[in-house]
Every structure is written in C-alpha cells, then in structure tokens.
Amino acid sequence: MKCVAIDDEPIALSIIQEYCKRYGGIELQSFTSPVAGMECVNATRPDVVFLDIEMNSHNGVELARQMPEECSVIFTTAYAHYALDGFNVDAVDFLHKPIFYPRFERAMEKVKRYIDNMPRNDNDDVLTLKVEHKNVVVKFSEILYIEAMDNYVKIFRKGLPMVVSQITMKEMESRLSPDRFVRLHRSYIVSIADIEKFSNRQIYLRNAPRPIPVGRKYIDLYKDLNNCFILKNNND
C-alpha cells in the first residue's frame, strides 16, 4: 500500500513512520512541507494520505478538497473539533493526537476495507503524470517505451510528442500493467504489444528509432518473455 504523510511536526511524522513499519506492507513518503507533500500526492496518486489539519501555512481540510479522487484521506490532528470538517470532505478516518498504535491499526483496517470496496474502472488504463506545473494524462495504448533519466522519465509515444515527468523508474513500473509492459533494462520499459523481434541483448520495437538493450540482471524476465512469444506463436 502506497502512503504519503503530511504534517509540519517532525515528531508526529516519526510516529506515523514507526506505526507504518510496524503494520507492514506500507510504502511511506513523509513531508513536513504541505506544498512538497501535495506535489508528491498529485504525481504518485498514493492509496492513503495521512494529513494534519492545522499546519503553519496550510489547512489540511482545504488540502483534502484538492486530493485526487482515488486517494483515501486519514486526518491526524490534536484538535478534535475538526472531526466534522474531516468527514465533510469524505475522510476515511480521523486520528486524534496523541495517536496510539491500536487506534492506528483500526484506521488501516478500515481504509483497506474502503479501498477493497471501491468500484473498479474497467477503463483504468491511463497514467496521470506531473509535467512541469500541470497534470498530463497518458494512455497505456500510446506508450511505445519509457527511458529513465535521473529522477525523471521520458515517455516515447506512438505518433505523439514525448512526455518528460519527474517520477522514478521504480514508481513508473509499479503503475503500469505487467501484462502490457516489461522492464528488461534498468533504464527502459517497453510495450510488449509493440515488440517486433528480440534477442537476449536487444529488443526491436515497431517504429522505434533504435533497438532497446536488455540488461544482464533481467535475463530471467527475458526468458519469461521468450516463453510467452513461443506459446503465442504455437497457439496461432
């Protein structure tokens, strides 16, 4: 489960970090800056956002109104009178500081049930990426291949301009369907449907300007890809 915690008190963040580690199965990013935290939320679309309400420069309730729809909000605050405001913006839960682990655990179980019961969108085959100061929607079907560039990625699209977004390759890989994309090099992810031919050293994509290298550490994935193509050809 991907989570982001936003709180201008470092001690409060350390408690959330400790509880997430204790609960297990949580990938957490923490921010004392509401601005940086919201940039991360908009770029990565986490499952859960732990959000303080009274921060020096921002009000958490107002930030919650700007959250992407797919993000579940759990408010963390020392001020109980904000509870009604929290639920008015559809927060999944409200944790009153000081937060104790049993109460945190109940909140996580609640949010898991909420996420499991969310309606699934069968057309959920798009990425919303931060490009400079705006969000850009990229369809899976448009992507030919993706190339890493430090903490950015370059997304090469079929017949469309390249998109550059500030996101790690690891995060990008986690947001793509493994049935449609494969990473066979630390710097490249390719569209499986657009593979024309391949070897254990290079992949050739339709309409790509150059072949994509295959990394040594990805040899097992190469074997899986090879087996899939053999099976497909036999069935055809």
Protein backbone atom coordinates (compact mmCIF):
# COMPACT_ATOMS: atom_id res chain seq x y z
CA MET A 1 0.00 0.00 0.00
CA LYS A 2 1.42 3.38 -1.02
CA CYS A 3 1.00 6.14 1.57
CA VAL A 4 2.00 9.79 2.00
CA ALA A 5 2.12 11.58 5.36
CA ILE A 6 1.94 15.40 5.53
CA ASP A 7 2.49 17.07 8.90
CA ASP A 8 4.59 20.11 9.85
CA GLU A 9 5.63 18.41 13.11
CA PRO A 10 8.58 16.03 12.57
CA ILE A 11 7.76 14.09 15.76
CA ALA A 12 4.23 13.38 14.50
CA LEU A 13 5.69 12.11 11.22
CA SER A 14 8.15 9.86 13.03
CA ILE A 15 5.25 8.23 14.91
CA ILE A 16 3.37 7.58 11.65
CA GLN A 17 6.57 6.15 10.14
CA GLU A 18 7.06 3.83 13.11
CA TYR A 19 3.44 2.65 13.02
CA CYS A 20 3.54 2.04 9.25
CA LYS A 21 6.69 -0.04 9.65
CA ARG A 22 5.07 -1.99 12.48
CA TYR A 23 1.88 -2.58 10.48
CA GLY A 24 3.84 -3.82 7.46
CA GLY A 25 3.22 -3.75 3.72
CA ILE A 26 3.29 0.05 3.54
CA GLU A 27 5.50 2.21 1.33
CA LEU A 28 5.52 5.63 3.04
CA GLN A 29 6.78 9.04 1.96
CA SER A 30 6.73 11.80 4.61
CA PHE A 31 6.70 15.59 4.24
CA THR A 32 6.82 18.49 6.69
CA SER A 33 6.08 20.82 3.76
CA PRO A 34 2.42 20.74 2.64
CA VAL A 35 3.46 22.06 -0.78
CA ALA A 36 6.02 19.29 -1.35
CA GLY A 37 3.61 16.72 0.07
CA MET A 38 0.82 17.71 -2.31
CA GLU A 39 3.22 17.64 -5.26
CA CYS A 40 4.07 14.05 -4.33
CA VAL A 41 0.37 13.15 -3.92
CA ASN A 42 -0.51 14.55 -7.34
CA ALA A 43 2.46 12.86 -9.00
CA THR A 44 2.22 9.41 -7.41
CA ARG A 45 -1.50 9.02 -6.53
CA PRO A 46 -0.96 7.10 -3.25
CA ASP A 47 -3.61 4.83 -1.76
CA VAL A 48 -3.68 6.72 1.56
CA VAL A 49 -2.74 10.23 2.69
CA PHE A 50 -2.17 10.89 6.41
CA LEU A 51 -2.94 14.59 6.71
CA ASP A 52 -2.59 17.03 9.59
CA ILE A 53 -5.18 19.81 9.70
CA GLU A 54 -3.64 22.80 11.49
CA MET A 55 -0.30 23.46 9.83
CA ASN A 56 1.56 26.76 9.86
CA SER A 57 0.97 27.64 6.23
CA HIS A 58 -1.95 25.43 5.18
CA ASN A 59 -5.22 23.95 6.38
CA GLY A 60 -5.48 20.21 5.89
CA VAL A 61 -9.23 20.30 5.20
CA GLU A 62 -8.62 22.61 2.24
CA LEU A 63 -5.82 20.38 1.00
CA ALA A 64 -8.13 17.35 1.25
CA ARG A 65 -10.53 19.04 -1.15
CA GLN A 66 -7.69 19.13 -3.72
CA MET A 67 -6.79 15.45 -3.38
CA PRO A 68 -7.15 13.12 -6.37
CA GLU A 69 -10.36 11.08 -6.03
CA GLU A 70 -8.54 7.78 -5.71
CA CYS A 71 -6.61 8.90 -2.59
CA SER A 72 -8.12 7.97 0.78
CA VAL A 73 -7.54 10.58 3.48
CA ILE A 74 -6.90 9.85 7.16
CA PHE A 75 -6.72 13.06 9.20
CA THR A 76 -4.21 13.24 12.06
CA THR A 77 -4.75 16.22 14.38
CA ALA A 78 -4.64 17.31 18.00
CA TYR A 79 -7.87 19.28 17.60
CA ALA A 80 -10.99 17.12 17.98
CA HIS A 81 -13.34 19.91 16.91
CA TYR A 82 -12.17 19.39 13.30
CA ALA A 83 -13.71 15.91 13.15
CA LEU A 84 -16.91 17.07 11.47
CA ASP A 85 -14.96 19.09 8.89
CA GLY A 86 -12.92 16.00 8.19
CA PHE A 87 -15.87 13.78 7.46
CA ASN A 88 -17.48 16.52 5.36
CA VAL A 89 -14.64 16.03 2.87
CA ASP A 90 -15.12 12.23 2.90
CA ALA A 91 -12.13 11.38 5.07
CA VAL A 92 -11.98 7.64 5.75
CA ASP A 93 -10.94 8.16 9.37
CA PHE A 94 -9.88 10.78 11.93
CA LEU A 95 -6.97 10.07 14.28
CA HIS A 96 -6.82 12.31 17.35
CA LYS A 97 -3.28 13.05 18.62
CA PRO A 98 -1.59 11.59 20.54
CA ILE A 99 -2.15 8.58 18.30
CA PHE A 100 -1.76 5.13 19.81
CA TYR A 101 -0.95 2.08 17.71
CA PRO A 102 -4.21 0.10 18.29
CA ARG A 103 -6.21 3.07 17.01
CA PHE A 104 -3.84 3.45 14.02
CA GLU A 105 -4.26 -0.25 13.25
CA ARG A 106 -8.06 0.07 13.26
CA ALA A 107 -7.81 3.01 10.88
CA MET A 108 -5.65 0.98 8.49
CA GLU A 109 -8.06 -1.95 8.55
CA LYS A 110 -10.89 0.48 7.85
CA VAL A 111 -9.10 2.06 4.90
CA LYS A 112 -8.23 -1.37 3.47
CA ARG A 113 -11.93 -2.32 3.53
CA TYR A 114 -12.78 1.00 1.92
CA ILE A 115 -10.24 0.52 -0.88
CA ASP A 116 -11.33 -3.10 -1.48
CA ASN A 117 -14.94 -1.97 -1.87
CA MET A 118 -14.18 0.92 -4.23
CA PRO A 119 -15.75 0.46 -7.67
CA ARG A 120 -13.18 -0.55 -10.28
CA ASN A 121 -12.97 1.35 -13.54
CA ASP A 122 -12.54 -1.11 -16.40
CA ASN A 123 -11.05 1.71 -18.45
CA ASP A 124 -8.36 2.32 -15.85
CA ASP A 125 -5.57 2.20 -18.45
CA VAL A 126 -4.22 5.71 -18.19
CA LEU A 127 -1.46 7.46 -16.25
CA THR A 128 -1.83 10.94 -14.82
CA LEU A 129 1.65 12.44 -14.68
CA LYS A 130 3.08 15.70 -13.44
CA VAL A 131 4.66 17.55 -16.36
CA GLU A 132 6.22 20.84 -15.26
CA HIS A 133 3.32 22.57 -13.44
CA LYS A 134 0.37 20.66 -14.85
CA ASN A 135 -1.09 17.16 -14.97
CA VAL A 136 -0.96 15.25 -18.26
CA VAL A 137 -2.96 12.09 -18.98
CA VAL A 138 -1.12 9.40 -20.97
CA LYS A 139 -2.96 6.34 -22.25
CA PHE A 140 -1.26 2.95 -21.95
CA SER A 141 -2.05 2.34 -25.62
CA GLU A 142 0.00 5.41 -26.62
CA ILE A 143 3.22 4.28 -24.92
CA LEU A 144 5.93 2.73 -27.08
CA TYR A 145 8.72 2.72 -24.49
CA ILE A 146 9.95 4.61 -21.43
CA GLU A 147 13.51 5.69 -20.72
CA ALA A 148 14.95 6.66 -17.33
CA MET A 149 16.75 9.98 -16.94
CA ASP A 150 17.95 10.50 -13.33
CA ASN A 151 14.75 11.12 -11.31
CA TYR A 152 12.76 11.76 -14.46
CA VAL A 153 11.40 9.51 -17.19
CA LYS A 154 10.98 10.13 -20.90
CA ILE A 155 7.82 8.55 -22.30
CA PHE A 156 8.02 7.90 -26.03
CA ARG A 157 4.54 7.75 -27.56
CA LYS A 158 3.28 6.45 -30.89
CA GLY A 159 2.85 9.42 -33.24
CA LEU A 160 2.70 11.87 -30.33
CA PRO A 161 5.22 14.17 -28.63
CA MET A 162 7.48 12.72 -25.97
CA VAL A 163 6.45 13.39 -22.34
CA VAL A 164 9.01 14.08 -19.59
CA SER A 165 7.82 13.64 -16.00
CA GLN A 166 9.54 13.79 -12.60
CA ILE A 167 8.96 10.25 -11.37
CA THR A 168 11.34 7.39 -10.66
CA MET A 169 11.52 4.35 -12.90
CA LYS A 170 10.53 2.14 -9.96
CA GLU A 171 7.37 4.16 -9.37
CA MET A 172 6.57 4.20 -13.08
CA GLU A 173 6.95 0.42 -13.30
CA SER A 174 4.57 -0.07 -10.35
CA ARG A 175 1.88 1.99 -12.11
CA LEU A 176 1.97 0.07 -15.38
CA SER A 177 0.15 -3.16 -16.19
CA PRO A 178 2.65 -6.08 -16.19
CA ASP A 179 0.51 -7.73 -18.87
CA ARG A 180 1.25 -4.85 -21.25
CA PHE A 181 4.72 -3.64 -20.31
CA VAL A 182 8.03 -5.25 -19.41
CA ARG A 183 11.24 -3.87 -17.94
CA LEU A 184 14.26 -5.65 -19.40
CA HIS A 185 16.85 -2.99 -18.55
CA ARG A 186 17.31 -0.68 -15.56
CA SER A 187 16.74 2.29 -17.88
CA TYR A 188 13.97 1.01 -20.15
CA ILE A 189 10.38 -0.25 -20.06
CA VAL A 190 8.80 -1.36 -23.35
CA SER A 191 5.33 -2.07 -24.66
CA ILE A 192 5.02 -5.85 -25.16
CA ALA A 193 2.48 -5.46 -27.99
CA ASP A 194 4.95 -3.36 -30.00
CA ILE A 195 7.86 -5.83 -29.84
CA GLU A 196 8.76 -6.84 -33.40
CA LYS A 197 11.73 -9.08 -32.62
CA PHE A 198 14.17 -9.58 -29.78
CA SER A 199 17.24 -11.41 -28.56
CA ASN A 200 18.88 -11.72 -25.18
CA ARG A 201 20.74 -8.48 -25.93
CA GLN A 202 18.30 -6.22 -27.78
CA ILE A 203 14.61 -5.59 -28.35
CA TYR A 204 13.29 -4.10 -31.59
CA LEU A 205 10.05 -2.15 -31.40
CA ARG A 206 7.80 -1.12 -34.28
CA ASN A 207 8.57 2.47 -35.32
CA ALA A 208 11.25 2.90 -32.63
CA PRO A 209 14.33 4.80 -33.88
CA ARG A 210 16.76 2.33 -32.30
CA PRO A 211 16.82 -1.04 -30.52
CA ILE A 212 16.38 -1.22 -26.74
CA PRO A 213 19.14 -3.02 -24.79
CA VAL A 214 18.43 -5.99 -22.50
CA GLY A 215 20.19 -5.82 -19.13
CA ARG A 216 22.03 -8.82 -17.71
CA LYS A 217 20.16 -8.76 -14.42
CA TYR A 218 16.84 -9.06 -16.30
CA ILE A 219 17.71 -12.34 -18.03
CA ASP A 220 15.00 -14.27 -16.14
CA LEU A 221 12.35 -11.83 -17.35
CA TYR A 222 13.74 -12.21 -20.86
CA LYS A 223 13.22 -15.98 -20.60
CA ASP A 224 9.62 -15.40 -19.47
CA LEU A 225 9.05 -13.07 -22.42
CA ASN A 226 10.57 -15.59 -24.80
CA ASN A 227 8.32 -18.36 -23.45
CA CYS A 228 5.25 -16.13 -23.86
CA PHE A 229 6.07 -15.48 -27.51
CA ILE A 230 6.72 -19.17 -28.20
CA LEU A 231 3.37 -20.07 -26.62
CA LYS A 232 1.59 -17.35 -28.61
CA ASN A 233 3.10 -18.50 -31.90
CA ASN A 234 2.18 -22.13 -31.21
CA ASN A 235 -1.41 -21.13 -30.44
CA ASP A 236 -1.58 -19.07 -33.65
